[in-house]
Amino acid sequence: MNTAVYDAIVIGGGQSGLAAAYYLQQEKLNFVILEKNPVNLGSWAHYYDSLTLFSPAEYSTLPGLDFPGGADRYPHRDEVVAYLKSYAAHFQFPINYEAEVLNVEKNDGIYSIQTAKNEVFRTRSIICSSGSFTNPNIPKITGMNDYTGLIMHSKDYKNDLAFRNKRVIVVGGGNSAVQIAVELANTADVTIATIRPLKFVPQLYLGKDLHYWLTRTGLDNNQSLEEKRLLMKSIDGVIDDGFYQNAIAQNKPNHKKMFKAFTQIGVIWDDNSHEEVDAVILATGYKPNFDYLNNLSVLDKSGNPLQENGINQSSENIYFIGLPWQTSFSSATIRGSGVDAEIVVQDLVKHL
């Protein structure tokens, strides 16, 4: 067993974990990052091939090191992967790879973290930035178990190769659902199915990206619960420069109300019509992924952290970074990770 007792351990080495590491290093604390992947940091390398950020490079940086290249361009997935690796190398953060955390216990004020390799790490505080990518939300749909076609979550989608000339339904109304459906519509017969009407949020206002206005107006700063609710309503939708909305207007893909049920070979639509379908891709988001904290009183019954601004609302020195709308719209994005990490580390230091 590792006998060292760290000031802090960061669980997850993606964008949020690295942002936390930056501020822990600035405070000269003794810490280590536990990253479950063998090489890559976080989940970016596992996303679909064509993914691009919906924020420009200028607004896609972690603290202390700018994203390389032109400020106004929208970086590709592989550029983000490379940036995270270079960021970790630049600051020489201590990272333990292939260290998947299974359980956390507390004894005499010290947390013991057990990994899948049966390693044990001890620490005075924990920052949880493990994300939710490995815990997809799979909705329960009538007839799902009887369907003989392909059902997959968007986390497992890479490209259109397996779907060419197939009949495909993409379920979901968010950015990933629309991007995947539009991509597939180039080579397949595709419908995007949603419970509510699709909503598009303009990516550009007066020639400037949405993220520019959020920072200039201060709406991107730490917000009250009511302010967050209001902003969530106003910009809840697919962030789009017009490309995706135009594609759907041209039925590439077409858009229909969510189907009622699966049949053995397809689906039953809202108008009771039956259709054969080759595959259904569920772009239905993710659920909390903090099961390793089940022995501590820091989660609600649904597994969501009991936190405010990433700070646990009990006596435990447990923190969270990377939660959607943790402090603002930019939370859970690369840029927002730095803002939230600073808030969390400032509080962590007070309680060591």
Protein backbone atom coordinates (compact mmCIF):
# COMPACT_ATOMS: atom_id res chain seq x y z
CA MET A 1 0.00 0.00 0.00
CA ASN A 2 1.12 3.52 -0.76
CA THR A 3 1.82 4.93 2.72
CA ALA A 4 1.87 8.58 1.63
CA VAL A 5 -1.01 10.81 2.74
CA TYR A 6 -1.72 13.39 0.08
CA ASP A 7 -3.25 16.80 0.65
CA ALA A 8 -5.61 16.06 -2.25
CA ILE A 9 -6.32 13.36 -4.79
CA VAL A 10 -8.02 14.17 -8.06
CA ILE A 11 -10.17 11.36 -9.46
CA GLY A 12 -10.22 11.72 -13.24
CA GLY A 13 -7.59 13.33 -15.45
CA GLY A 14 -9.77 14.96 -18.08
CA GLN A 15 -10.23 18.69 -18.55
CA SER A 16 -11.75 19.20 -15.08
CA GLY A 17 -9.12 17.13 -13.30
CA LEU A 18 -6.31 18.97 -15.06
CA ALA A 19 -7.83 22.34 -14.16
CA ALA A 20 -7.97 21.22 -10.54
CA ALA A 21 -4.35 20.08 -10.74
CA TYR A 22 -3.29 23.51 -11.98
CA TYR A 23 -4.69 25.27 -8.91
CA LEU A 24 -3.49 22.57 -6.51
CA GLN A 25 -0.01 23.05 -7.95
CA GLN A 26 -0.30 26.82 -7.59
CA GLU A 27 -1.06 26.26 -3.89
CA LYS A 28 2.01 23.97 -3.65
CA LEU A 29 -0.09 21.09 -2.32
CA ASN A 30 0.94 17.45 -2.40
CA PHE A 31 -1.48 15.74 -4.80
CA VAL A 32 -1.86 13.06 -7.45
CA ILE A 33 -4.32 12.48 -10.31
CA LEU A 34 -5.87 9.02 -10.70
CA GLU A 35 -6.81 8.47 -14.37
CA LYS A 36 -8.56 5.27 -15.44
CA ASN A 37 -7.38 5.36 -19.07
CA PRO A 38 -3.96 3.93 -19.99
CA VAL A 39 -2.86 6.82 -22.21
CA ASN A 40 -5.51 9.45 -22.90
CA LEU A 41 -6.82 11.89 -20.34
CA GLY A 42 -10.58 11.90 -19.85
CA SER A 43 -13.25 10.94 -22.37
CA TRP A 44 -12.42 13.11 -25.37
CA ALA A 45 -10.59 10.37 -27.28
CA HIS A 46 -13.68 8.15 -27.07
CA TYR A 47 -16.13 10.55 -28.72
CA TYR A 48 -17.25 10.26 -32.35
CA ASP A 49 -14.69 10.99 -35.04
CA SER A 50 -16.21 14.17 -36.48
CA LEU A 51 -16.83 15.95 -33.17
CA THR A 52 -15.84 19.60 -33.03
CA LEU A 53 -16.16 21.98 -30.12
CA PHE A 54 -19.02 24.46 -30.12
CA SER A 55 -16.72 27.04 -28.54
CA PRO A 56 -13.84 28.74 -30.42
CA ALA A 57 -10.25 27.98 -29.46
CA GLU A 58 -10.05 31.33 -27.65
CA TYR A 59 -12.79 30.13 -25.29
CA SER A 60 -11.57 26.53 -25.02
CA THR A 61 -8.52 26.91 -22.83
CA LEU A 62 -7.55 25.64 -19.41
CA PRO A 63 -5.84 28.02 -16.95
CA GLY A 64 -2.24 28.88 -17.66
CA LEU A 65 -1.90 27.59 -21.24
CA ASP A 66 -3.76 28.82 -24.32
CA PHE A 67 -5.24 26.44 -26.86
CA PRO A 68 -2.91 26.53 -29.90
CA GLY A 69 -3.93 27.87 -33.32
CA GLY A 70 -6.29 30.57 -34.48
CA ALA A 71 -8.53 32.05 -31.81
CA ASP A 72 -11.74 31.99 -33.88
CA ARG A 73 -11.63 28.41 -35.18
CA TYR A 74 -13.57 25.52 -33.65
CA PRO A 75 -11.12 22.76 -32.67
CA HIS A 76 -11.61 19.11 -33.63
CA ARG A 77 -11.80 16.25 -31.11
CA ASP A 78 -8.23 15.09 -31.79
CA GLU A 79 -6.90 18.60 -31.22
CA VAL A 80 -8.53 18.60 -27.78
CA VAL A 81 -6.94 15.24 -26.96
CA ALA A 82 -3.52 16.58 -27.98
CA TYR A 83 -4.07 19.80 -26.02
CA LEU A 84 -4.92 17.93 -22.81
CA LYS A 85 -1.79 15.78 -23.15
CA SER A 86 0.41 18.80 -23.79
CA TYR A 87 -1.20 20.64 -20.87
CA ALA A 88 -0.43 17.80 -18.44
CA ALA A 89 3.13 17.55 -19.78
CA HIS A 90 3.69 21.32 -19.65
CA PHE A 91 2.92 21.49 -15.92
CA GLN A 92 4.39 18.03 -15.19
CA PHE A 93 1.39 16.94 -13.14
CA PRO A 94 1.74 13.68 -11.17
CA ILE A 95 -0.63 11.25 -12.92
CA ASN A 96 -1.24 7.58 -12.21
CA TYR A 97 -2.67 5.96 -15.35
CA GLU A 98 -4.84 2.84 -15.39
CA ALA A 99 -6.01 3.77 -11.91
CA GLU A 100 -9.77 3.22 -12.01
CA VAL A 101 -11.28 4.13 -8.64
CA LEU A 102 -13.72 1.58 -7.22
CA ASN A 103 -14.31 2.67 -3.65
CA VAL A 104 -13.62 5.40 -1.09
CA GLU A 105 -13.70 4.94 2.68
CA LYS A 106 -12.80 7.20 5.56
CA ASN A 107 -10.92 6.26 8.71
CA ASP A 108 -9.62 8.66 11.38
CA GLY A 109 -10.15 11.65 9.11
CA ILE A 110 -8.19 10.17 6.19
CA TYR A 111 -9.78 8.92 2.96
CA SER A 112 -8.62 5.60 1.49
CA ILE A 113 -9.14 5.25 -2.25
CA GLN A 114 -9.09 1.74 -3.71
CA THR A 115 -8.44 1.17 -7.41
CA ALA A 116 -9.25 -1.73 -9.72
CA LYS A 117 -5.63 -2.87 -9.38
CA ASN A 118 -6.17 -3.15 -5.63
CA GLU A 119 -3.95 -0.14 -4.99
CA VAL A 120 -4.82 2.08 -2.05
CA PHE A 121 -4.16 5.83 -1.99
CA ARG A 122 -4.66 7.95 1.15
CA THR A 123 -5.59 11.62 1.22
CA ARG A 124 -7.03 14.44 3.33
CA SER A 125 -9.36 15.61 0.54
CA ILE A 126 -10.77 14.44 -2.79
CA ILE A 127 -11.72 16.27 -5.96
CA CYS A 128 -14.09 14.19 -8.08
CA SER A 129 -13.78 14.97 -11.78
CA SER A 130 -14.55 11.54 -13.16
CA GLY A 131 -17.25 12.74 -15.52
CA SER A 132 -20.23 10.67 -16.63
CA PHE A 133 -19.15 9.31 -20.03
CA THR A 134 -18.94 5.71 -18.79
CA ASN A 135 -22.49 5.84 -17.39
CA PRO A 136 -24.85 6.51 -20.33
CA ASN A 137 -28.51 7.24 -19.73
CA ILE A 138 -30.51 4.46 -21.42
CA PRO A 139 -34.25 5.26 -21.42
CA LYS A 140 -36.77 2.48 -20.91
CA ILE A 141 -38.85 2.21 -24.07
CA THR A 142 -41.68 -0.27 -24.52
CA GLY A 143 -40.64 -3.30 -26.56
CA MET A 144 -36.95 -2.50 -26.33
CA ASN A 145 -35.96 -6.04 -25.35
CA ASP A 146 -37.87 -7.55 -28.27
CA TYR A 147 -36.25 -5.42 -30.97
CA THR A 148 -33.80 -7.45 -33.08
CA GLY A 149 -32.05 -4.51 -34.73
CA LEU A 150 -29.12 -2.53 -33.33
CA ILE A 151 -29.57 -0.28 -30.30
CA MET A 152 -26.55 1.72 -29.22
CA HIS A 153 -25.80 4.79 -27.16
CA SER A 154 -24.10 7.75 -28.81
CA LYS A 155 -21.03 7.18 -26.62
CA ASP A 156 -20.28 4.12 -28.79
CA TYR A 157 -20.87 5.88 -32.12
CA LYS A 158 -17.69 6.66 -34.07
CA ASN A 159 -18.66 7.31 -37.71
CA ASP A 160 -21.17 6.40 -40.42
CA LEU A 161 -19.38 3.33 -41.83
CA ALA A 162 -21.64 0.72 -40.22
CA PHE A 163 -24.83 2.61 -41.09
CA ARG A 164 -24.48 3.40 -44.78
CA ASN A 165 -27.66 2.71 -46.77
CA LYS A 166 -29.45 1.72 -43.53
CA ARG A 167 -32.65 3.01 -41.94
CA VAL A 168 -31.58 4.74 -38.73
CA ILE A 169 -33.31 6.67 -35.95
CA VAL A 170 -31.35 8.98 -33.66
CA VAL A 171 -33.13 9.66 -30.38
CA GLY A 172 -32.42 12.97 -28.64
CA GLY A 173 -32.58 16.71 -29.14
CA GLY A 174 -29.16 17.91 -27.99
CA ASN A 175 -25.99 18.89 -29.80
CA SER A 176 -24.65 15.34 -30.14
CA ALA A 177 -27.97 13.95 -31.40
CA VAL A 178 -28.28 16.57 -34.11
CA GLN A 179 -24.62 16.39 -35.16
CA ILE A 180 -24.72 12.59 -35.44
CA ALA A 181 -28.05 12.57 -37.28
CA VAL A 182 -26.92 15.18 -39.81
CA GLU A 183 -23.67 13.29 -40.43
CA LEU A 184 -25.49 9.99 -40.93
CA ALA A 185 -28.02 11.57 -43.28
CA ASN A 186 -25.29 11.91 -45.91
CA THR A 187 -25.14 8.14 -46.38
CA ALA A 188 -28.24 6.71 -44.66
CA ASP A 189 -32.01 7.22 -44.31
CA VAL A 190 -32.20 9.01 -40.97
CA THR A 191 -34.86 10.41 -38.65
CA ILE A 192 -34.13 12.34 -35.49
CA ALA A 193 -36.82 11.57 -32.90
CA THR A 194 -37.50 13.90 -29.98
CA ILE A 195 -40.06 14.24 -27.19
CA ARG A 196 -40.16 18.03 -27.55
CA PRO A 197 -39.66 20.27 -30.59
CA LEU A 198 -36.06 20.93 -31.53
CA LYS A 199 -34.74 24.26 -30.35
CA PHE A 200 -31.76 26.00 -31.94
CA VAL A 201 -29.63 28.60 -30.20
CA PRO A 202 -27.73 30.95 -32.54
CA GLN A 203 -23.99 30.41 -32.25
CA LEU A 204 -23.19 33.88 -33.54
CA TYR A 205 -24.62 37.25 -32.48
CA LEU A 206 -23.46 40.32 -34.41
CA GLY A 207 -20.57 38.27 -35.78
CA LYS A 208 -19.36 37.16 -32.36
CA ASP A 209 -19.60 33.70 -30.83
CA LEU A 210 -22.10 33.07 -28.04
CA HIS A 211 -19.23 32.48 -25.62
CA TYR A 212 -17.89 35.97 -26.34
CA TRP A 213 -21.17 37.54 -25.22
CA LEU A 214 -21.46 35.32 -22.15
CA THR A 215 -18.06 36.49 -20.94
CA ARG A 216 -18.52 40.14 -21.90
CA THR A 217 -21.91 40.43 -20.19
CA GLY A 218 -20.83 38.62 -17.04
CA LEU A 219 -23.46 35.91 -17.53
CA ASP A 220 -20.64 33.39 -17.48
CA ASN A 221 -19.67 34.24 -13.92
CA ASN A 222 -20.72 32.38 -10.79
CA GLN A 223 -24.50 32.70 -10.70
CA SER A 224 -27.29 32.30 -8.20
CA LEU A 225 -29.65 29.36 -8.57
CA GLU A 226 -32.38 31.59 -10.02
CA GLU A 227 -29.97 33.21 -12.49
CA LYS A 228 -28.83 29.77 -13.64
CA ARG A 229 -32.43 28.66 -14.14
CA LEU A 230 -33.25 31.69 -16.26
CA LEU A 231 -30.15 31.30 -18.42
CA MET A 232 -30.75 27.56 -18.79
CA LYS A 233 -34.18 28.29 -20.26
CA SER A 234 -32.90 30.95 -22.66
CA ILE A 235 -29.99 28.97 -24.15
CA ASP A 236 -31.25 25.41 -23.74
CA GLY A 237 -30.98 23.93 -27.21
CA VAL A 238 -28.69 23.01 -30.07
CA ILE A 239 -25.97 25.62 -30.50
CA ASP A 240 -25.88 26.20 -34.24
CA ASP A 241 -24.60 28.64 -36.84
CA GLY A 242 -27.51 27.67 -39.09
CA PHE A 243 -25.96 24.59 -40.68
CA TYR A 244 -27.85 21.98 -38.65
CA GLN A 245 -31.17 23.80 -38.70
CA ASN A 246 -30.97 24.10 -42.49
CA ALA A 247 -30.13 20.41 -42.83
CA ILE A 248 -33.20 19.39 -40.86
CA ALA A 249 -35.38 21.86 -42.77
CA GLN A 250 -34.29 19.98 -45.91
CA ASN A 251 -35.15 16.62 -44.27
CA LYS A 252 -31.48 15.60 -44.11
CA PRO A 253 -32.35 14.14 -41.59
CA ASN A 254 -36.09 14.44 -41.14
CA HIS A 255 -37.53 15.12 -37.70
CA LYS A 256 -40.43 13.31 -36.02
CA LYS A 257 -42.05 13.12 -32.63
CA MET A 258 -40.59 10.33 -30.48
CA PHE A 259 -41.91 6.87 -31.35
CA LYS A 260 -44.22 5.05 -28.91
CA ALA A 261 -42.58 1.66 -28.81
CA PHE A 262 -40.28 -0.84 -30.45
CA THR A 263 -41.53 -3.80 -32.43
CA GLN A 264 -39.44 -6.86 -33.19
CA ILE A 265 -38.20 -5.30 -36.43
CA GLY A 266 -38.77 -1.57 -35.98
CA VAL A 267 -40.84 1.07 -34.20
CA ILE A 268 -44.40 2.33 -33.77
CA TRP A 269 -44.65 6.05 -34.42
CA ASP A 270 -46.93 8.50 -32.63
CA ASP A 271 -49.56 8.13 -35.37
CA ASN A 272 -49.58 4.33 -34.79
CA SER A 273 -47.80 3.62 -38.08
CA HIS A 274 -45.25 0.79 -38.04
CA GLU A 275 -41.86 1.02 -39.72
CA GLU A 276 -38.92 -1.33 -40.11
CA VAL A 277 -35.70 0.15 -38.75
CA ASP A 278 -32.13 -1.17 -38.90
CA ALA A 279 -30.66 0.76 -35.99
CA VAL A 280 -31.52 3.18 -33.19
CA ILE A 281 -28.87 5.45 -31.70
CA LEU A 282 -29.70 6.85 -28.26
CA ALA A 283 -28.16 10.29 -27.84
CA THR A 284 -29.86 10.56 -24.48
CA GLY A 285 -27.12 11.90 -22.26
CA TYR A 286 -25.43 10.51 -19.19
CA LYS A 287 -26.09 9.86 -15.51
CA PRO A 288 -23.93 10.61 -12.46
CA ASN A 289 -20.88 8.39 -12.14
CA PHE A 290 -19.90 8.57 -8.50
CA ASP A 291 -20.65 5.05 -7.24
CA TYR A 292 -17.25 4.95 -5.60
CA LEU A 293 -18.61 7.47 -3.07
CA ASN A 294 -21.54 5.31 -1.95
CA ASN A 295 -19.99 4.69 1.47
CA LEU A 296 -19.98 8.42 2.22
CA SER A 297 -23.00 10.67 2.75
CA VAL A 298 -22.30 12.95 -0.20
CA LEU A 299 -24.82 11.76 -2.82
CA ASP A 300 -28.60 11.91 -3.05
CA LYS A 301 -30.81 8.89 -3.81
CA SER A 302 -30.28 9.38 -7.55
CA GLY A 303 -26.51 9.44 -7.21
CA ASN A 304 -26.23 13.19 -7.75
CA PRO A 305 -23.69 15.05 -5.60
CA LEU A 306 -25.02 17.03 -2.66
CA GLN A 307 -23.07 20.14 -3.57
CA GLU A 308 -23.19 23.84 -4.19
CA ASN A 309 -20.67 25.30 -6.64
CA GLY A 310 -18.84 21.96 -6.46
CA ILE A 311 -18.45 22.10 -2.69
CA ASN A 312 -19.92 19.18 -0.77
CA GLN A 313 -22.70 20.24 1.59
CA SER A 314 -21.64 18.06 4.52
CA SER A 315 -18.58 17.82 6.74
CA GLU A 316 -16.65 15.74 4.19
CA ASN A 317 -13.68 17.21 2.30
CA ILE A 318 -15.15 16.03 -0.99
CA TYR A 319 -15.36 18.31 -4.03
CA PHE A 320 -16.71 18.08 -7.57
CA ILE A 321 -15.70 19.66 -10.87
CA GLY A 322 -17.25 19.14 -14.29
CA LEU A 323 -20.92 19.04 -13.35
CA PRO A 324 -23.32 20.64 -15.86
CA TRP A 325 -24.36 24.11 -14.65
CA GLN A 326 -22.18 23.70 -11.56
CA THR A 327 -21.72 27.46 -11.36
CA SER A 328 -22.70 28.69 -14.83
CA PHE A 329 -23.39 27.80 -18.47
CA SER A 330 -19.68 27.18 -19.09
CA SER A 331 -19.40 24.56 -16.32
CA ALA A 332 -18.50 21.13 -17.77
CA THR A 333 -16.78 22.83 -20.72
CA ILE A 334 -13.02 23.23 -21.05
CA ARG A 335 -13.11 26.93 -20.26
CA GLY A 336 -15.57 26.55 -17.40
CA SER A 337 -13.48 23.85 -15.79
CA GLY A 338 -10.86 26.41 -14.83
CA VAL A 339 -13.39 28.76 -13.22
CA ASP A 340 -14.97 25.97 -11.19
CA ALA A 341 -11.62 24.45 -10.23
CA GLU A 342 -10.42 27.72 -8.74
CA ILE A 343 -13.55 28.01 -6.59
CA VAL A 344 -13.18 24.42 -5.38
CA VAL A 345 -9.46 24.58 -4.60
CA GLN A 346 -9.85 27.85 -2.70
CA ASP A 347 -12.35 26.17 -0.41
CA LEU A 348 -10.27 22.98 -0.17
CA VAL A 349 -7.25 24.91 1.08
CA LYS A 350 -9.31 26.44 3.90
CA HIS A 351 -10.25 23.00 5.22
CA LEU A 352 -6.90 21.22 5.15
